[in-house]
Amino acid sequence: MTNNNITISGDPGSGKSSVTAILQEQLGYERVSVGLIQREIAASMNMSAVEFNRYMETHPEIDHECDRRVAELGQRQGIIFDSRMAWRFVPLSFKVFLTVEEQIAAKRIFGDTNRIGESFDDIGEAVSKIRERRDSERLRFKLQYDADLSDFSNYDLIVETSDSSPTKTAACILHNYYLHAEQKPFRRQWLGNWTESEEFRLIINL
């Protein structure tokens, strides 16, 4: 493999931050979170994540600066990127997309008291705001880069995380990452009730 970086993209609430933290511990790689950087900027401007996404729709310079930094870091080795668009700006990487059911995503985000810039009164509001944020991001990146985040052909591996813990999701990613590094065939899409399969039980016992 010419580059050992990993890029993790995915839906809000799919577990990107938790999974990248586990991968960092397992691999000893550096971790870069563009979402955390953006949430900190939003907090400094007294904006929620949704408000900041709307703001970025008309202020592309914020995305461009983040993407420039990601592309620059992508020239190095041993980095895990938690970023919606890193798959595009670090093309020589193992590209992962995490997907999750909307209601489960809302429950995760609603219950995360450490999350910067996102707080909701109830699950219904969380669902609405997550949907709005997701649609805003997809529109923004379509307009700026003609890139479709929901196009699975952009990624090497797609993992459905609704019924999976971050530890199991990270184990699935690691297993397929090693197969990819060894240029061995691997299953690209882990969707549905994959946590109960014999193949997955072998993976998490590695």
Protein backbone atom coordinates (compact mmCIF):
# COMPACT_ATOMS: atom_id res chain seq x y z
CA MET A 1 0.00 0.00 0.00
CA THR A 2 1.50 3.34 -1.06
CA ASN A 3 -0.13 5.25 1.78
CA ASN A 4 -1.35 3.96 5.14
CA ASN A 5 -3.72 6.82 6.01
CA ILE A 6 -7.39 6.13 6.81
CA THR A 7 -10.23 8.54 6.05
CA ILE A 8 -13.51 8.16 7.96
CA SER A 9 -16.58 9.89 6.57
CA GLY A 10 -20.23 9.27 7.37
CA ASP A 11 -23.60 10.43 8.60
CA PRO A 12 -23.96 12.58 11.75
CA GLY A 13 -24.27 10.26 14.74
CA SER A 14 -22.73 7.27 12.95
CA GLY A 15 -19.89 7.06 15.48
CA LYS A 16 -17.02 8.62 13.56
CA SER A 17 -15.40 10.32 16.57
CA SER A 18 -15.62 7.26 18.83
CA VAL A 19 -14.41 4.90 16.12
CA THR A 20 -11.46 7.07 15.09
CA ALA A 21 -10.41 7.34 18.75
CA ILE A 22 -10.31 3.53 19.00
CA LEU A 23 -8.43 3.21 15.72
CA GLN A 24 -5.92 5.78 16.96
CA GLU A 25 -5.32 3.72 20.10
CA GLN A 26 -5.05 0.45 18.18
CA LEU A 27 -2.76 1.71 15.43
CA GLY A 28 -0.85 4.49 17.19
CA TYR A 29 -1.66 6.85 14.30
CA GLU A 30 -2.22 10.60 14.53
CA ARG A 31 -5.87 11.64 14.53
CA VAL A 32 -7.26 14.71 12.76
CA SER A 33 -10.92 15.72 13.25
CA VAL A 34 -12.17 18.41 10.87
CA GLY A 35 -15.61 18.25 12.48
CA LEU A 36 -14.18 19.09 15.90
CA ILE A 37 -12.25 22.02 14.43
CA GLN A 38 -15.42 23.32 12.79
CA ARG A 39 -17.53 22.86 15.95
CA GLU A 40 -14.96 24.84 17.93
CA ILE A 41 -15.10 27.63 15.34
CA ALA A 42 -18.91 27.55 15.49
CA ALA A 43 -18.83 27.79 19.30
CA SER A 44 -16.47 30.76 19.10
CA MET A 45 -19.05 32.46 16.83
CA ASN A 46 -21.95 31.48 19.14
CA MET A 47 -23.50 29.29 16.44
CA SER A 48 -25.01 25.81 16.62
CA ALA A 49 -23.70 23.14 14.25
CA VAL A 50 -26.74 23.62 12.00
CA GLU A 51 -26.36 27.42 11.98
CA PHE A 52 -22.66 27.08 11.19
CA ASN A 53 -23.39 24.71 8.31
CA ARG A 54 -25.80 27.27 6.86
CA TYR A 55 -23.14 29.96 7.33
CA MET A 56 -20.57 27.86 5.47
CA GLU A 57 -22.95 27.50 2.51
CA THR A 58 -22.18 31.16 1.72
CA HIS A 59 -18.65 31.25 3.16
CA PRO A 60 -16.76 28.53 1.27
CA GLU A 61 -13.42 29.87 2.45
CA ILE A 62 -13.86 27.95 5.71
CA ASP A 63 -14.23 24.62 3.91
CA HIS A 64 -11.40 25.45 1.53
CA GLU A 65 -8.99 26.20 4.36
CA CYS A 66 -9.91 22.97 6.19
CA ASP A 67 -9.57 20.98 2.98
CA ARG A 68 -6.21 22.58 2.20
CA ARG A 69 -4.93 21.50 5.61
CA VAL A 70 -6.28 17.98 5.14
CA ALA A 71 -4.63 17.65 1.71
CA GLU A 72 -1.35 18.90 3.14
CA LEU A 73 -1.46 16.48 6.08
CA GLY A 74 -2.42 13.69 3.68
CA GLN A 75 1.07 13.80 2.21
CA ARG A 76 2.32 12.32 5.48
CA GLN A 77 1.87 8.77 6.76
CA GLY A 78 -0.03 7.28 9.69
CA ILE A 79 -3.01 9.64 10.03
CA ILE A 80 -6.69 8.87 10.66
CA PHE A 81 -8.91 11.63 9.30
CA ASP A 82 -12.39 12.17 10.75
CA SER A 83 -13.72 14.32 7.94
CA ARG A 84 -16.64 14.39 5.50
CA MET A 85 -14.40 15.17 2.51
CA ALA A 86 -11.00 13.67 3.38
CA TRP A 87 -11.67 10.77 0.96
CA ARG A 88 -11.42 13.33 -1.85
CA PHE A 89 -8.41 15.28 -0.58
CA VAL A 90 -6.41 12.26 0.59
CA PRO A 91 -6.95 9.98 -2.42
CA LEU A 92 -4.19 7.55 -1.39
CA SER A 93 -5.97 6.35 1.74
CA PHE A 94 -8.30 3.62 2.96
CA LYS A 95 -11.67 5.34 2.58
CA VAL A 96 -14.45 4.38 5.00
CA PHE A 97 -18.06 5.59 5.18
CA LEU A 98 -20.21 4.98 8.28
CA THR A 99 -23.97 5.01 7.91
CA VAL A 100 -26.66 4.85 10.61
CA GLU A 101 -30.44 4.90 11.00
CA GLU A 102 -31.74 8.41 11.61
CA GLN A 103 -33.51 7.72 14.92
CA ILE A 104 -30.47 5.94 16.36
CA ALA A 105 -28.22 8.79 15.27
CA ALA A 106 -30.53 11.26 17.01
CA LYS A 107 -30.49 9.25 20.26
CA ARG A 108 -26.70 9.08 20.21
CA ILE A 109 -26.23 12.79 19.63
CA PHE A 110 -29.00 13.74 22.09
CA GLY A 111 -27.29 11.68 24.80
CA ASP A 112 -23.78 12.97 24.11
CA THR A 113 -23.29 15.69 26.74
CA ASN A 114 -19.69 16.28 25.65
CA ARG A 115 -20.61 17.25 22.10
CA ILE A 116 -19.66 20.86 21.33
CA GLY A 117 -22.22 23.10 19.63
CA GLU A 118 -25.11 20.61 19.48
CA SER A 119 -27.87 20.40 22.07
CA PHE A 120 -31.56 19.59 21.63
CA ASP A 121 -34.71 19.68 23.75
CA ASP A 122 -35.90 16.24 22.64
CA ILE A 123 -35.29 13.41 20.17
CA GLY A 124 -37.74 14.88 17.65
CA GLU A 125 -35.77 18.11 17.48
CA ALA A 126 -32.53 16.13 17.21
CA VAL A 127 -33.87 14.18 14.21
CA SER A 128 -34.98 17.38 12.48
CA LYS A 129 -31.69 19.20 13.07
CA ILE A 130 -29.54 16.22 12.07
CA ARG A 131 -31.51 15.87 8.82
CA GLU A 132 -31.15 19.59 8.16
CA ARG A 133 -27.40 19.48 8.86
CA ARG A 134 -26.90 16.41 6.66
CA ASP A 135 -28.82 17.97 3.75
CA SER A 136 -26.91 21.24 4.16
CA GLU A 137 -23.56 19.45 4.02
CA ARG A 138 -24.50 17.41 0.97
CA LEU A 139 -25.71 20.53 -0.86
CA ARG A 140 -22.60 22.48 0.14
CA PHE A 141 -20.17 19.86 -1.10
CA LYS A 142 -22.17 19.29 -4.27
CA LEU A 143 -22.02 22.99 -5.08
CA GLN A 144 -18.38 23.47 -4.12
CA TYR A 145 -16.80 20.26 -5.42
CA ASP A 146 -19.52 18.47 -7.42
CA ALA A 147 -19.05 15.67 -4.89
CA ASP A 148 -21.84 13.39 -3.64
CA LEU A 149 -21.22 12.21 -0.07
CA SER A 150 -23.91 9.54 -0.41
CA ASP A 151 -22.29 7.90 -3.46
CA PHE A 152 -20.82 4.70 -2.01
CA SER A 153 -18.49 4.30 -5.00
CA ASN A 154 -16.32 7.00 -3.39
CA TYR A 155 -15.32 4.62 -0.57
CA ASP A 156 -13.41 1.39 -0.09
CA LEU A 157 -15.57 0.24 2.84
CA ILE A 158 -19.13 1.04 3.98
CA VAL A 159 -20.22 0.04 7.49
CA GLU A 160 -23.77 0.25 8.88
CA THR A 161 -23.32 1.11 12.58
CA SER A 162 -26.91 1.19 13.91
CA ASP A 163 -26.58 -2.13 15.76
CA SER A 164 -22.85 -1.95 16.41
CA SER A 165 -20.71 -0.58 19.20
CA PRO A 166 -17.75 1.65 18.28
CA THR A 167 -15.42 -1.19 19.33
CA LYS A 168 -17.02 -3.63 16.90
CA THR A 169 -17.12 -1.07 14.12
CA ALA A 170 -13.43 -0.31 14.63
CA ALA A 171 -12.64 -4.04 14.57
CA CYS A 172 -14.47 -4.39 11.26
CA ILE A 173 -12.55 -1.45 9.80
CA LEU A 174 -9.20 -2.75 11.03
CA HIS A 175 -9.78 -6.22 9.60
CA ASN A 176 -10.63 -4.88 6.15
CA TYR A 177 -7.89 -2.24 6.33
CA TYR A 178 -5.30 -4.98 6.77
CA LEU A 179 -6.78 -7.00 3.89
CA HIS A 180 -6.67 -3.89 1.72
CA ALA A 181 -3.06 -3.25 2.71
CA GLU A 182 -2.16 -6.81 1.71
CA GLN A 183 -4.09 -6.38 -1.56
CA LYS A 184 -6.41 -9.22 -0.63
CA PRO A 185 -10.12 -9.27 -1.52
CA PHE A 186 -12.55 -8.08 1.14
CA ARG A 187 -16.24 -7.40 1.51
CA ARG A 188 -16.89 -3.71 0.79
CA GLN A 189 -20.33 -3.30 2.37
CA TRP A 190 -21.21 -4.38 5.90
CA LEU A 191 -24.92 -3.61 5.99
CA GLY A 192 -27.87 -4.95 7.95
CA ASN A 193 -27.47 -7.47 10.77
CA TRP A 194 -23.77 -8.10 10.08
CA THR A 195 -22.80 -8.25 13.78
CA GLU A 196 -24.40 -11.69 14.09
CA SER A 197 -22.57 -13.31 11.20
CA GLU A 198 -19.92 -15.98 11.70
CA GLU A 199 -17.54 -13.93 9.55
CA PHE A 200 -17.88 -10.93 11.87
CA ARG A 201 -17.43 -13.03 15.03
CA LEU A 202 -14.10 -14.17 13.58
CA ILE A 203 -13.13 -10.55 12.95
CA ILE A 204 -13.78 -9.27 16.47
CA ASN A 205 -11.85 -12.19 17.93
CA LEU A 206 -8.67 -11.32 16.02
